[in-house]
PDB file of N, CA and C in Angstrom:
ATOM      1  N   MET A   1       0.838  -1.182   0.000  1.00  0.00           N
ATOM      2  CA  MET A   1       0.000   0.000   0.000  1.00  0.00           C
ATOM      3  C   MET A   1       0.882   1.243   0.000  1.00  0.00           C
ATOM      4  N   GLN A   2       0.575   2.183  -0.849  1.00  0.00           N
ATOM      5  CA  GLN A   2       1.363   3.405  -0.940  1.00  0.00           C
ATOM      6  C   GLN A   2       0.978   4.365   0.166  1.00  0.00           C
ATOM      7  N   SER A   3       1.936   5.195   0.554  1.00  0.00           N
ATOM      8  CA  SER A   3       1.641   6.212   1.558  1.00  0.00           C
ATOM      9  C   SER A   3       0.797   7.316   0.938  1.00  0.00           C
ATOM     10  N   ALA A   4       0.327   8.213   1.802  1.00  0.00           N
ATOM     11  CA  ALA A   4      -0.533   9.297   1.341  1.00  0.00           C
ATOM     12  C   ALA A   4       0.251  10.419   0.673  1.00  0.00           C
ATOM     13  N   ALA A   5       1.540  10.274   0.568  1.00  0.00           N
ATOM     14  CA  ALA A   5       2.378  11.326  -0.016  1.00  0.00           C
ATOM     15  C   ALA A   5       2.527  11.117  -1.516  1.00  0.00           C
ATOM     16  N   LEU A   6       2.652  12.198  -2.225  1.00  0.00           N
ATOM     17  CA  LEU A   6       2.876  12.161  -3.666  1.00  0.00           C
ATOM     18  C   LEU A   6       4.347  12.400  -3.944  1.00  0.00           C
ATOM     19  N   GLN A   7       4.822  11.880  -5.044  1.00  0.00           N
ATOM     20  CA  GLN A   7       6.208  12.082  -5.431  1.00  0.00           C
ATOM     21  C   GLN A   7       6.225  12.849  -6.750  1.00  0.00           C
ATOM     22  N   LEU A   8       6.943  13.955  -6.769  1.00  0.00           N
ATOM     23  CA  LEU A   8       7.170  14.683  -8.011  1.00  0.00           C
ATOM     24  C   LEU A   8       8.604  14.405  -8.434  1.00  0.00           C
ATOM     25  N   GLN A   9       8.795  14.000  -9.657  1.00  0.00           N
ATOM     26  CA  GLN A   9      10.147  13.745 -10.136  1.00  0.00           C
ATOM     27  C   GLN A   9      10.413  14.666 -11.314  1.00  0.00           C
ATOM     28  N   PHE A  10      11.512  15.371 -11.246  1.00  0.00           N
ATOM     29  CA  PHE A  10      11.886  16.314 -12.279  1.00  0.00           C
ATOM     30  C   PHE A  10      12.891  15.669 -13.216  1.00  0.00           C
ATOM     31  N   ASP A  11      13.120  16.309 -14.336  1.00  0.00           N
ATOM     32  CA  ASP A  11      14.035  15.777 -15.338  1.00  0.00           C
ATOM     33  C   ASP A  11      15.456  15.639 -14.821  1.00  0.00           C
ATOM     34  N   PHE A  12      15.831  16.443 -13.842  1.00  0.00           N
ATOM     35  CA  PHE A  12      17.194  16.401 -13.349  1.00  0.00           C
ATOM     36  C   PHE A  12      17.298  15.539 -12.087  1.00  0.00           C
ATOM     37  N   ASN A  13      16.439  14.536 -11.976  1.00  0.00           N
ATOM     38  CA  ASN A  13      16.477  13.496 -10.944  1.00  0.00           C
ATOM     39  C   ASN A  13      16.424  14.004  -9.518  1.00  0.00           C
ATOM     40  N   VAL A  14      15.683  15.049  -9.272  1.00  0.00           N
ATOM     41  CA  VAL A  14      15.454  15.529  -7.920  1.00  0.00           C
ATOM     42  C   VAL A  14      14.029  15.154  -7.551  1.00  0.00           C
ATOM     43  N   GLN A  15      13.859  14.529  -6.403  1.00  0.00           N
ATOM     44  CA  GLN A  15      12.528  14.140  -5.988  1.00  0.00           C
ATOM     45  C   GLN A  15      12.078  15.004  -4.829  1.00  0.00           C
ATOM     46  N   VAL A  16      10.814  15.412  -4.868  1.00  0.00           N
ATOM     47  CA  VAL A  16      10.218  16.199  -3.806  1.00  0.00           C
ATOM     48  C   VAL A  16       9.031  15.403  -3.292  1.00  0.00           C
ATOM     49  N   LYS A  17       9.020  15.115  -2.007  1.00  0.00           N
ATOM     50  CA  LYS A  17       7.922  14.344  -1.427  1.00  0.00           C
ATOM     51  C   LYS A  17       6.995  15.310  -0.701  1.00  0.00           C
ATOM     52  N   ILE A  18       5.757  15.396  -1.171  1.00  0.00           N
ATOM     53  CA  ILE A  18       4.797  16.286  -0.549  1.00  0.00           C
ATOM     54  C   ILE A  18       3.476  15.559  -0.344  1.00  0.00           C
ATOM     55  N   THR A  19       2.701  16.003   0.625  1.00  0.00           N
ATOM     56  CA  THR A  19       1.420  15.376   0.918  1.00  0.00           C
ATOM     57  C   THR A  19       0.352  15.942  -0.015  1.00  0.00           C
ATOM     58  N   PRO A  20      -0.811  15.292  -0.101  1.00  0.00           N
ATOM     59  CA  PRO A  20      -1.843  15.735  -1.045  1.00  0.00           C
ATOM     60  C   PRO A  20      -2.273  17.196  -0.900  1.00  0.00           C
ATOM     61  N   VAL A  21      -2.413  17.709   0.315  1.00  0.00           N
ATOM     62  CA  VAL A  21      -2.819  19.107   0.486  1.00  0.00           C
ATOM     63  C   VAL A  21      -1.771  20.042  -0.096  1.00  0.00           C
ATOM     64  N   HIS A  22      -0.521  19.750   0.127  1.00  0.00           N
ATOM     65  CA  HIS A  22       0.559  20.584  -0.392  1.00  0.00           C
ATOM     66  C   HIS A  22       0.671  20.444  -1.910  1.00  0.00           C
ATOM     67  N   ALA A  23       0.375  19.261  -2.407  1.00  0.00           N
ATOM     68  CA  ALA A  23       0.378  19.061  -3.857  1.00  0.00           C
ATOM     69  C   ALA A  23      -0.721  19.886  -4.519  1.00  0.00           C
ATOM     70  N   ILE A  24      -1.857  19.996  -3.856  1.00  0.00           N
ATOM     71  CA  ILE A  24      -2.954  20.798  -4.393  1.00  0.00           C
ATOM     72  C   ILE A  24      -2.564  22.273  -4.444  1.00  0.00           C
ATOM     73  N   ILE A  25      -1.932  22.770  -3.375  1.00  0.00           N
ATOM     74  CA  ILE A  25      -1.495  24.169  -3.354  1.00  0.00           C
ATOM     75  C   ILE A  25      -0.499  24.413  -4.484  1.00  0.00           C
ATOM     76  N   LEU A  26       0.463  23.514  -4.623  1.00  0.00           N
ATOM     77  CA  LEU A  26       1.463  23.658  -5.686  1.00  0.00           C
ATOM     78  C   LEU A  26       0.815  23.564  -7.062  1.00  0.00           C
ATOM     79  N   GLU A  27      -0.138  22.667  -7.226  1.00  0.00           N
ATOM     80  CA  GLU A  27      -0.826  22.528  -8.515  1.00  0.00           C
ATOM     81  C   GLU A  27      -1.635  23.776  -8.850  1.00  0.00           C
ATOM     82  N   GLN A  28      -2.241  24.408  -7.853  1.00  0.00           N
ATOM     83  CA  GLN A  28      -3.004  25.632  -8.093  1.00  0.00           C
ATOM     84  C   GLN A  28      -2.091  26.798  -8.473  1.00  0.00           C
ATOM     85  N   LEU A  29      -0.837  26.735  -8.052  1.00  0.00           N
ATOM     86  CA  LEU A  29       0.141  27.733  -8.474  1.00  0.00           C
ATOM     87  C   LEU A  29       0.639  27.478  -9.895  1.00  0.00           C
ATOM     88  N   GLY A  30       0.529  26.244 -10.354  1.00  0.00           N
ATOM     89  CA  GLY A  30       0.982  25.910 -11.703  1.00  0.00           C
ATOM     90  C   GLY A  30       1.861  24.683 -11.751  1.00  0.00           C
ATOM     91  N   GLY A  31       2.111  24.043 -10.626  1.00  0.00           N
ATOM     92  CA  GLY A  31       2.879  22.802 -10.592  1.00  0.00           C
ATOM     93  C   GLY A  31       4.325  22.980 -11.002  1.00  0.00           C
ATOM     94  N   ARG A  32       4.802  22.028 -11.813  1.00  0.00           N
ATOM     95  CA  ARG A  32       6.202  22.065 -12.249  1.00  0.00           C
ATOM     96  C   ARG A  32       6.501  23.270 -13.124  1.00  0.00           C
ATOM     97  N   LYS A  33       5.513  23.711 -13.882  1.00  0.00           N
ATOM     98  CA  LYS A  33       5.713  24.902 -14.719  1.00  0.00           C
ATOM     99  C   LYS A  33       5.981  26.118 -13.844  1.00  0.00           C
ATOM    100  N   PHE A  34       5.271  26.215 -12.720  1.00  0.00           N
ATOM    101  CA  PHE A  34       5.494  27.312 -11.779  1.00  0.00           C
ATOM    102  C   PHE A  34       6.920  27.267 -11.243  1.00  0.00           C
ATOM    103  N   LEU A  35       7.371  26.091 -10.813  1.00  0.00           N
ATOM    104  CA  LEU A  35       8.728  25.962 -10.273  1.00  0.00           C
ATOM    105  C   LEU A  35       9.780  26.298 -11.322  1.00  0.00           C
ATOM    106  N   THR A  36       9.548  25.881 -12.553  1.00  0.00           N
ATOM    107  CA  THR A  36      10.492  26.159 -13.633  1.00  0.00           C
ATOM    108  C   THR A  36      10.516  27.639 -14.000  1.00  0.00           C
ATOM    109  N   MET A  37       9.350  28.233 -14.156  1.00  0.00           N
ATOM    110  CA  MET A  37       9.264  29.637 -14.579  1.00  0.00           C
ATOM    111  C   MET A  37       9.773  30.604 -13.514  1.00  0.00           C
ATOM    112  N   THR A  38       9.527  30.313 -12.242  1.00  0.00           N
ATOM    113  CA  THR A  38       9.874  31.253 -11.178  1.00  0.00           C
ATOM    114  C   THR A  38      11.213  30.959 -10.530  1.00  0.00           C
ATOM    115  N   GLY A  39      11.738  29.767 -10.709  1.00  0.00           N
ATOM    116  CA  GLY A  39      12.989  29.400 -10.063  1.00  0.00           C
ATOM    117  C   GLY A  39      12.832  29.140  -8.574  1.00  0.00           C
ATOM    118  N   SER A  40      11.613  28.982  -8.105  1.00  0.00           N
ATOM    119  CA  SER A  40      11.368  28.714  -6.687  1.00  0.00           C
ATOM    120  C   SER A  40      11.940  27.357  -6.313  1.00  0.00           C
ATOM    121  N   LYS A  41      12.462  27.252  -5.096  1.00  0.00           N
ATOM    122  CA  LYS A  41      13.080  26.003  -4.661  1.00  0.00           C
ATOM    123  C   LYS A  41      12.940  25.865  -3.155  1.00  0.00           C
ATOM    124  N   HIS A  42      13.447  24.785  -2.631  1.00  0.00           N
ATOM    125  CA  HIS A  42      13.422  24.491  -1.199  1.00  0.00           C
ATOM    126  C   HIS A  42      11.998  24.543  -0.646  1.00  0.00           C
ATOM    127  N   LEU A  43      11.123  23.740  -1.235  1.00  0.00           N
ATOM    128  CA  LEU A  43       9.750  23.674  -0.759  1.00  0.00           C
ATOM    129  C   LEU A  43       9.729  23.089   0.645  1.00  0.00           C
ATOM    130  N   ALA A  44       8.911  23.663   1.511  1.00  0.00           N
ATOM    131  CA  ALA A  44       8.795  23.185   2.887  1.00  0.00           C
ATOM    132  C   ALA A  44       7.331  23.173   3.290  1.00  0.00           C
ATOM    133  N   TYR A  45       7.003  22.266   4.174  1.00  0.00           N
ATOM    134  CA  TYR A  45       5.653  22.177   4.696  1.00  0.00           C
ATOM    135  C   TYR A  45       5.710  21.563   6.085  1.00  0.00           C
ATOM    136  N   SER A  46       4.611  21.610   6.788  1.00  0.00           N
ATOM    137  CA  SER A  46       4.556  21.085   8.143  1.00  0.00           C
ATOM    138  C   SER A  46       3.913  19.711   8.147  1.00  0.00           C
ATOM    139  N   GLU A  47       4.544  18.751   8.824  1.00  0.00           N
ATOM    140  CA  GLU A  47       3.951  17.431   8.998  1.00  0.00           C
ATOM    141  C   GLU A  47       2.789  17.509   9.984  1.00  0.00           C
ATOM    142  N   MET A  48       2.913  18.388  10.973  1.00  0.00           N
ATOM    143  CA  MET A  48       1.904  18.498  12.026  1.00  0.00           C
ATOM    144  C   MET A  48       0.709  19.320  11.557  1.00  0.00           C
ATOM    145  N   GLN A  49       0.978  20.488  11.008  1.00  0.00           N
ATOM    146  CA  GLN A  49      -0.084  21.359  10.512  1.00  0.00           C
ATOM    147  C   GLN A  49      -0.132  21.177   9.003  1.00  0.00           C
ATOM    148  N   ASN A  50      -1.171  20.562   8.533  1.00  0.00           N
ATOM    149  CA  ASN A  50      -1.271  20.218   7.122  1.00  0.00           C
ATOM    150  C   ASN A  50      -1.916  21.351   6.336  1.00  0.00           C
ATOM    151  N   ASN A  51      -1.445  22.589   6.549  1.00  0.00           N
ATOM    152  CA  ASN A  51      -2.160  23.695   5.930  1.00  0.00           C
ATOM    153  C   ASN A  51      -1.290  24.765   5.294  1.00  0.00           C
ATOM    154  N   TYR A  52       0.011  24.563   5.131  1.00  0.00           N
ATOM    155  CA  TYR A  52       0.805  25.592   4.456  1.00  0.00           C
ATOM    156  C   TYR A  52       1.929  24.997   3.619  1.00  0.00           C
ATOM    157  N   LEU A  53       2.340  25.775   2.647  1.00  0.00           N
ATOM    158  CA  LEU A  53       3.468  25.441   1.787  1.00  0.00           C
ATOM    159  C   LEU A  53       4.376  26.659   1.761  1.00  0.00           C
ATOM    160  N   SER A  54       5.666  26.440   1.945  1.00  0.00           N
ATOM    161  CA  SER A  54       6.623  27.536   1.980  1.00  0.00           C
ATOM    162  C   SER A  54       7.714  27.264   0.951  1.00  0.00           C
ATOM    163  N   MET A  55       8.301  28.322   0.397  1.00  0.00           N
ATOM    164  CA  MET A  55       9.355  28.144  -0.595  1.00  0.00           C
ATOM    165  C   MET A  55      10.308  29.338  -0.605  1.00  0.00           C
ATOM    166  N   HIS A  56      11.492  29.096  -1.131  1.00  0.00           N
ATOM    167  CA  HIS A  56      12.516  30.127  -1.301  1.00  0.00           C
ATOM    168  C   HIS A  56      12.356  30.712  -2.692  1.00  0.00           C
ATOM    169  N   LEU A  57      12.350  32.024  -2.792  1.00  0.00           N
ATOM    170  CA  LEU A  57      12.159  32.707  -4.070  1.00  0.00           C
ATOM    171  C   LEU A  57      13.482  33.228  -4.611  1.00  0.00           C
ATOM    172  N   VAL A  58      13.550  33.396  -5.921  1.00  0.00           N
ATOM    173  CA  VAL A  58      14.709  34.030  -6.546  1.00  0.00           C
ATOM    174  C   VAL A  58      14.549  35.542  -6.422  1.00  0.00           C
ATOM    175  N   GLN A  59      15.562  36.268  -6.848  1.00  0.00           N
ATOM    176  CA  GLN A  59      15.520  37.722  -6.776  1.00  0.00           C
ATOM    177  C   GLN A  59      14.329  38.246  -7.582  1.00  0.00           C
ATOM    178  N   ASN A  60      13.589  39.185  -6.977  1.00  0.00           N
ATOM    179  CA  ASN A  60      12.407  39.733  -7.633  1.00  0.00           C
ATOM    180  C   ASN A  60      12.235  41.187  -7.246  1.00  0.00           C
ATOM    181  N   ARG A  61      11.260  41.862  -7.839  1.00  0.00           N
ATOM    182  CA  ARG A  61      11.119  43.299  -7.620  1.00  0.00           C
ATOM    183  C   ARG A  61      10.640  43.664  -6.218  1.00  0.00           C
ATOM    184  N   SER A  62       9.997  42.746  -5.504  1.00  0.00           N
ATOM    185  CA  SER A  62       9.523  43.049  -4.146  1.00  0.00           C
ATOM    186  C   SER A  62      10.608  42.833  -3.102  1.00  0.00           C
ATOM    187  N   LYS A  63      11.722  42.255  -3.486  1.00  0.00           N
ATOM    188  CA  LYS A  63      12.843  41.929  -2.604  1.00  0.00           C
ATOM    189  C   LYS A  63      12.503  40.820  -1.601  1.00  0.00           C
ATOM    190  N   ALA A  64      11.381  40.138  -1.790  1.00  0.00           N
ATOM    191  CA  ALA A  64      10.993  39.031  -0.918  1.00  0.00           C
ATOM    192  C   ALA A  64      11.864  37.814  -1.227  1.00  0.00           C
ATOM    193  N   LYS A  65      12.285  37.097  -0.196  1.00  0.00           N
ATOM    194  CA  LYS A  65      13.102  35.904  -0.370  1.00  0.00           C
ATOM    195  C   LYS A  65      12.311  34.631  -0.111  1.00  0.00           C
ATOM    196  N   TYR A  66      11.215  34.749   0.650  1.00  0.00           N
ATOM    197  CA  TYR A  66      10.436  33.573   1.027  1.00  0.00           C
ATOM    198  C   TYR A  66       8.946  33.836   0.834  1.00  0.00           C
ATOM    199  N   LEU A  67       8.229  32.781   0.509  1.00  0.00           N
ATOM    200  CA  LEU A  67       6.778  32.841   0.357  1.00  0.00           C
ATOM    201  C   LEU A  67       6.168  31.722   1.175  1.00  0.00           C
ATOM    202  N   ARG A  68       5.159  32.068   1.944  1.00  0.00           N
ATOM    203  CA  ARG A  68       4.402  31.069   2.701  1.00  0.00           C
ATOM    204  C   ARG A  68       2.938  31.208   2.278  1.00  0.00           C
ATOM    205  N   ILE A  69       2.366  30.103   1.797  1.00  0.00           N
ATOM    206  CA  ILE A  69       0.965  30.077   1.395  1.00  0.00           C
ATOM    207  C   ILE A  69       0.236  29.186   2.385  1.00  0.00           C
ATOM    208  N   GLU A  70      -0.677  29.784   3.107  1.00  0.00           N
ATOM    209  CA  GLU A  70      -1.371  29.076   4.184  1.00  0.00           C
ATOM    210  C   GLU A  70      -2.852  28.935   3.846  1.00  0.00           C
ATOM    211  N   LEU A  71      -3.375  27.727   3.991  1.00  0.00           N
ATOM    212  CA  LEU A  71      -4.795  27.468   3.777  1.00  0.00           C
ATOM    213  C   LEU A  71      -5.549  27.841   5.045  1.00  0.00           C
ATOM    214  N   THR A  72      -6.548  28.718   4.924  1.00  0.00           N
ATOM    215  CA  THR A  72      -7.312  29.164   6.091  1.00  0.00           C
ATOM    216  C   THR A  72      -8.578  28.324   6.239  1.00  0.00           C
ATOM    217  N   VAL A  73      -9.274  28.504   7.349  1.00  0.00           N
ATOM    218  CA  VAL A  73     -10.504  27.752   7.606  1.00  0.00           C
ATOM    219  C   VAL A  73     -11.625  28.162   6.665  1.00  0.00           C
ATOM    220  N   MET A  74     -11.524  29.314   6.049  1.00  0.00           N
ATOM    221  CA  MET A  74     -12.536  29.795   5.095  1.00  0.00           C
ATOM    222  C   MET A  74     -12.296  29.228   3.690  1.00  0.00           C
ATOM    223  N   ASP A  75     -11.334  28.305   3.551  1.00  0.00           N
ATOM    224  CA  ASP A  75     -10.958  27.694   2.285  1.00  0.00           C
ATOM    225  C   ASP A  75     -10.416  28.724   1.289  1.00  0.00           C
ATOM    226  N   THR A  76      -9.755  29.734   1.824  1.00  0.00           N
ATOM    227  CA  THR A  76      -9.007  30.701   1.025  1.00  0.00           C
ATOM    228  C   THR A  76      -7.555  30.616   1.475  1.00  0.00           C
ATOM    229  N   TYR A  77      -6.699  31.370   0.842  1.00  0.00           N
ATOM    230  CA  TYR A  77      -5.280  31.323   1.165  1.00  0.00           C
ATOM    231  C   TYR A  77      -4.795  32.654   1.715  1.00  0.00           C
ATOM    232  N   LYS A  78      -3.767  32.567   2.535  1.00  0.00           N
ATOM    233  CA  LYS A  78      -3.077  33.740   3.058  1.00  0.00           C
ATOM    234  C   LYS A  78      -1.647  33.647   2.528  1.00  0.00           C
ATOM    235  N   MET A  79      -1.238  34.631   1.736  1.00  0.00           N
ATOM    236  CA  MET A  79       0.104  34.635   1.161  1.00  0.00           C
ATOM    237  C   MET A  79       0.959  35.640   1.913  1.00  0.00           C
ATOM    238  N   THR A  80       2.105  35.177   2.418  1.00  0.00           N
ATOM    239  CA  THR A  80       3.008  36.030   3.175  1.00  0.00           C
ATOM    240  C   THR A  80       4.372  36.025   2.492  1.00  0.00           C
ATOM    241  N   PHE A  81       4.803  37.185   2.038  1.00  0.00           N
ATOM    242  CA  PHE A  81       6.108  37.365   1.405  1.00  0.00           C
ATOM    243  C   PHE A  81       7.042  37.983   2.444  1.00  0.00           C
ATOM    244  N   THR A  82       8.182  37.339   2.708  1.00  0.00           N
ATOM    245  CA  THR A  82       9.093  37.808   3.753  1.00  0.00           C
ATOM    246  C   THR A  82      10.535  37.813   3.271  1.00  0.00           C
ATOM    247  N   LYS A  83      11.387  38.439   4.066  1.00  0.00           N
ATOM    248  CA  LYS A  83      12.834  38.397   3.826  1.00  0.00           C
ATOM    249  C   LYS A  83      13.532  38.480   5.175  1.00  0.00           C
ATOM    250  N   LEU A  84      14.795  38.109   5.203  1.00  0.00           N
ATOM    251  CA  LEU A  84      15.611  38.236   6.414  1.00  0.00           C
ATOM    252  C   LEU A  84      16.293  39.590   6.384  1.00  0.00           C
ATOM    253  N   SER A  85      16.241  40.298   7.487  1.00  0.00           N
ATOM    254  CA  SER A  85      16.876  41.606   7.586  1.00  0.00           C
ATOM    255  C   SER A  85      17.785  41.635   8.806  1.00  0.00           C
ATOM    256  N   GLY A  86      18.629  42.632   8.854  1.00  0.00           N
ATOM    257  CA  GLY A  86      19.518  42.794   9.989  1.00  0.00           C
ATOM    258  C   GLY A  86      20.932  42.367   9.672  1.00  0.00           C
ATOM    259  N   LYS A  87      21.738  42.365  10.700  1.00  0.00           N
ATOM    260  CA  LYS A  87      23.146  41.992  10.545  1.00  0.00           C
ATOM    261  C   LYS A  87      23.296  40.484  10.580  1.00  0.00           C
ATOM    262  N   LYS A  88      24.500  40.036  10.318  1.00  0.00           N
ATOM    263  CA  LYS A  88      24.774  38.616  10.167  1.00  0.00           C
ATOM    264  C   LYS A  88      24.311  37.787  11.364  1.00  0.00           C
ATOM    265  N   TYR A  89      24.561  38.239  12.581  1.00  0.00           N
ATOM    266  CA  TYR A  89      24.232  37.448  13.760  1.00  0.00           C
ATOM    267  C   TYR A  89      22.981  37.937  14.476  1.00  0.00           C
ATOM    268  N   ALA A  90      22.332  38.942  13.950  1.00  0.00           N
ATOM    269  CA  ALA A  90      21.115  39.461  14.571  1.00  0.00           C
ATOM    270  C   ALA A  90      20.038  39.653  13.508  1.00  0.00           C
ATOM    271  N   GLN A  91      19.715  38.568  12.821  1.00  0.00           N
ATOM    272  CA  GLN A  91      18.733  38.664  11.757  1.00  0.00           C
ATOM    273  C   GLN A  91      17.320  38.465  12.296  1.00  0.00           C
ATOM    274  N   TYR A  92      16.378  39.061  11.624  1.00  0.00           N
ATOM    275  CA  TYR A  92      14.975  38.903  11.966  1.00  0.00           C
ATOM    276  C   TYR A  92      14.168  38.822  10.678  1.00  0.00           C
ATOM    277  N   VAL A  93      12.980  38.276  10.772  1.00  0.00           N
ATOM    278  CA  VAL A  93      12.116  38.126   9.601  1.00  0.00           C
ATOM    279  C   VAL A  93      11.300  39.394   9.429  1.00  0.00           C
ATOM    280  N   GLU A  94      11.386  39.974   8.240  1.00  0.00           N
ATOM    281  CA  GLU A  94      10.633  41.176   7.915  1.00  0.00           C
ATOM    282  C   GLU A  94       9.558  40.815   6.885  1.00  0.00           C
ATOM    283  N   THR A  95       8.317  41.127   7.203  1.00  0.00           N
ATOM    284  CA  THR A  95       7.218  40.850   6.282  1.00  0.00           C
ATOM    285  C   THR A  95       7.158  41.941   5.226  1.00  0.00           C
ATOM    286  N   ILE A  96       7.307  41.544   3.976  1.00  0.00           N
ATOM    287  CA  ILE A  96       7.234  42.469   2.851  1.00  0.00           C
ATOM    288  C   ILE A  96       5.779  42.779   2.532  1.00  0.00           C
ATOM    289  N   ARG A  97       5.001  41.720   2.393  1.00  0.00           N
ATOM    290  CA  ARG A  97       3.582  41.896   2.063  1.00  0.00           C
ATOM    291  C   ARG A  97       2.813  40.671   2.527  1.00  0.00           C
ATOM    292  N   GLU A  98       1.629  40.903   3.065  1.00  0.00           N
ATOM    293  CA  GLU A  98       0.762  39.823   3.523  1.00  0.00           C
ATOM    294  C   GLU A  98      -0.626  40.044   2.921  1.00  0.00           C
ATOM    295  N   ILE A  99      -1.116  39.050   2.218  1.00  0.00           N
ATOM    296  CA  ILE A  99      -2.397  39.180   1.534  1.00  0.00           C
ATOM    297  C   ILE A  99      -3.319  38.076   2.035  1.00  0.00           C
ATOM    298  N   ASP A 100      -4.476  38.466   2.571  1.00  0.00           N
ATOM    299  CA  ASP A 100      -5.466  37.520   3.085  1.00  0.00           C
ATOM    300  C   ASP A 100      -6.561  37.288   2.063  1.00  0.00           C
ATOM    301  N   ASN A 101      -7.302  36.212   2.261  1.00  0.00           N
ATOM    302  CA  ASN A 101      -8.479  35.882   1.461  1.00  0.00           C
ATOM    303  C   ASN A 101      -8.192  35.818  -0.038  1.00  0.00           C
ATOM    304  N   VAL A 102      -7.165  35.092  -0.400  1.00  0.00           N
ATOM    305  CA  VAL A 102      -6.831  34.880  -1.809  1.00  0.00           C
ATOM    306  C   VAL A 102      -7.473  33.567  -2.243  1.00  0.00           C
ATOM    307  N   TYR A 103      -8.278  33.612  -3.278  1.00  0.00           N
ATOM    308  CA  TYR A 103      -8.901  32.401  -3.794  1.00  0.00           C
ATOM    309  C   TYR A 103      -7.904  31.634  -4.659  1.00  0.00           C
ATOM    310  N   ALA A 104      -8.164  30.338  -4.824  1.00  0.00           N
ATOM    311  CA  ALA A 104      -7.248  29.463  -5.565  1.00  0.00           C
ATOM    312  C   ALA A 104      -6.970  29.982  -6.965  1.00  0.00           C
ATOM    313  N   GLU A 105      -7.991  30.480  -7.633  1.00  0.00           N
ATOM    314  CA  GLU A 105      -7.795  30.954  -9.010  1.00  0.00           C
ATOM    315  C   GLU A 105      -7.005  32.262  -9.076  1.00  0.00           C
ATOM    316  N   ASP A 106      -6.814  32.926  -7.938  1.00  0.00           N
ATOM    317  CA  ASP A 106      -6.074  34.188  -7.907  1.00  0.00           C
ATOM    318  C   ASP A 106      -4.635  34.040  -7.425  1.00  0.00           C
ATOM    319  N   LEU A 107      -4.208  32.841  -7.050  1.00  0.00           N
ATOM    320  CA  LEU A 107      -2.853  32.644  -6.519  1.00  0.00           C
ATOM    321  C   LEU A 107      -1.785  33.097  -7.512  1.00  0.00           C
ATOM    322  N   GLN A 108      -1.900  32.683  -8.761  1.00  0.00           N
ATOM    323  CA  GLN A 108      -0.893  33.041  -9.759  1.00  0.00           C
ATOM    324  C   GLN A 108      -0.882  34.541 -10.017  1.00  0.00           C
ATOM    325  N   LYS A 109      -2.058  35.142 -10.090  1.00  0.00           N
ATOM    326  CA  LYS A 109      -2.158  36.579 -10.363  1.00  0.00           C
ATOM    327  C   LYS A 109      -1.523  37.398  -9.235  1.00  0.00           C
ATOM    328  N   VAL A 110      -1.817  37.048  -7.993  1.00  0.00           N
ATOM    329  CA  VAL A 110      -1.254  37.773  -6.847  1.00  0.00           C
ATOM    330  C   VAL A 110       0.257  37.583  -6.791  1.00  0.00           C
ATOM    331  N   PHE A 111       0.732  36.365  -7.052  1.00  0.00           N
ATOM    332  CA  PHE A 111       2.168  36.100  -7.056  1.00  0.00           C
ATOM    333  C   PHE A 111       2.871  36.986  -8.085  1.00  0.00           C
ATOM    334  N   THR A 112       2.313  37.068  -9.285  1.00  0.00           N
ATOM    335  CA  THR A 112       2.915  37.886 -10.342  1.00  0.00           C
ATOM    336  C   THR A 112       2.870  39.365  -9.995  1.00  0.00           C
ATOM    337  N   GLU A 113       1.779  39.837  -9.404  1.00  0.00           N
ATOM    338  CA  GLU A 113       1.669  41.251  -9.028  1.00  0.00           C
ATOM    339  C   GLU A 113       2.717  41.643  -7.988  1.00  0.00           C
ATOM    340  N   VAL A 114       2.957  40.784  -7.023  1.00  0.00           N
ATOM    341  CA  VAL A 114       3.891  41.109  -5.941  1.00  0.00           C
ATOM    342  C   VAL A 114       5.338  40.966  -6.391  1.00  0.00           C
ATOM    343  N   THR A 115       5.680  39.849  -7.038  1.00  0.00           N
ATOM    344  CA  THR A 115       7.073  39.578  -7.359  1.00  0.00           C
ATOM    345  C   THR A 115       7.502  40.050  -8.747  1.00  0.00           C
ATOM    346  N   GLY A 116       6.562  40.159  -9.665  1.00  0.00           N
ATOM    347  CA  GLY A 116       6.913  40.501 -11.041  1.00  0.00           C
ATOM    348  C   GLY A 116       7.375  39.296 -11.833  1.00  0.00           C
ATOM    349  N   LEU A 117       7.337  38.117 -11.244  1.00  0.00           N
ATOM    350  CA  LEU A 117       7.739  36.878 -11.921  1.00  0.00           C
ATOM    351  C   LEU A 117       6.507  36.215 -12.527  1.00  0.00           C
ATOM    352  N   TYR A 118       6.583  35.851 -13.781  1.00  0.00           N
ATOM    353  CA  TYR A 118       5.473  35.188 -14.436  1.00  0.00           C
ATOM    354  C   TYR A 118       5.449  33.711 -14.063  1.00  0.00           C
ATOM    355  N   THR A 119       4.253  33.178 -13.890  1.00  0.00           N
ATOM    356  CA  THR A 119       4.112  31.794 -13.462  1.00  0.00           C
ATOM    357  C   THR A 119       3.890  30.822 -14.622  1.00  0.00           C
ATOM    358  N   ARG A 120       3.659  31.336 -15.805  1.00  0.00           N
ATOM    359  CA  ARG A 120       3.445  30.498 -16.977  1.00  0.00           C
ATOM    360  C   ARG A 120       3.733  31.298 -18.236  1.00  0.00           C
ATOM    361  N   LEU A 121       3.917  30.591 -19.325  1.00  0.00           N
ATOM    362  CA  LEU A 121       4.079  31.261 -20.622  1.00  0.00           C
ATOM    363  C   LEU A 121       2.722  31.686 -21.131  1.00  0.00           C
ATOM    364  N   PHE A 122       2.695  32.729 -21.927  1.00  0.00           N
ATOM    365  CA  PHE A 122       1.408  33.240 -22.426  1.00  0.00           C
ATOM    366  C   PHE A 122       0.862  32.400 -23.541  1.00  0.00           C
TER     367      PHE A 122
END
C-alpha cells in the first residue's frame, strides 16, 4: 500500500515528497511549470499542521526571499512574502507583504503582481 504522499520527479532526478494538500497548493500555483518559470526552490511544509506550503524565491522586484501560502478555515489562502533583515548574527524576519483571502484561481495573479515573476508562458 502506498503512503498518502505524492512524489514529483523532475528531469534532473530531484525528488520532492509532498502530501496531497501541499500538492494541491502547488498545482493551483501551476505545478512544475510554476517551479520552472519562477525558479522557486526548497519547498517546505509542516507534517503536524497540514495547511501551508513555503518556498525560497529568486531575486524579484519586491525583494521578498520567502513565500508562505497558508490554507485558512474559510478555504481561502493567506500569502506572506518575507525576507531576512539585519546583521549577520542578529537577523529577523521582515514581512514584505501579507495578503489575506486569496482564492485558488487568484494565486498566480497575486504572485505575479507582488514579485513581477510570471508563473506560466502566455
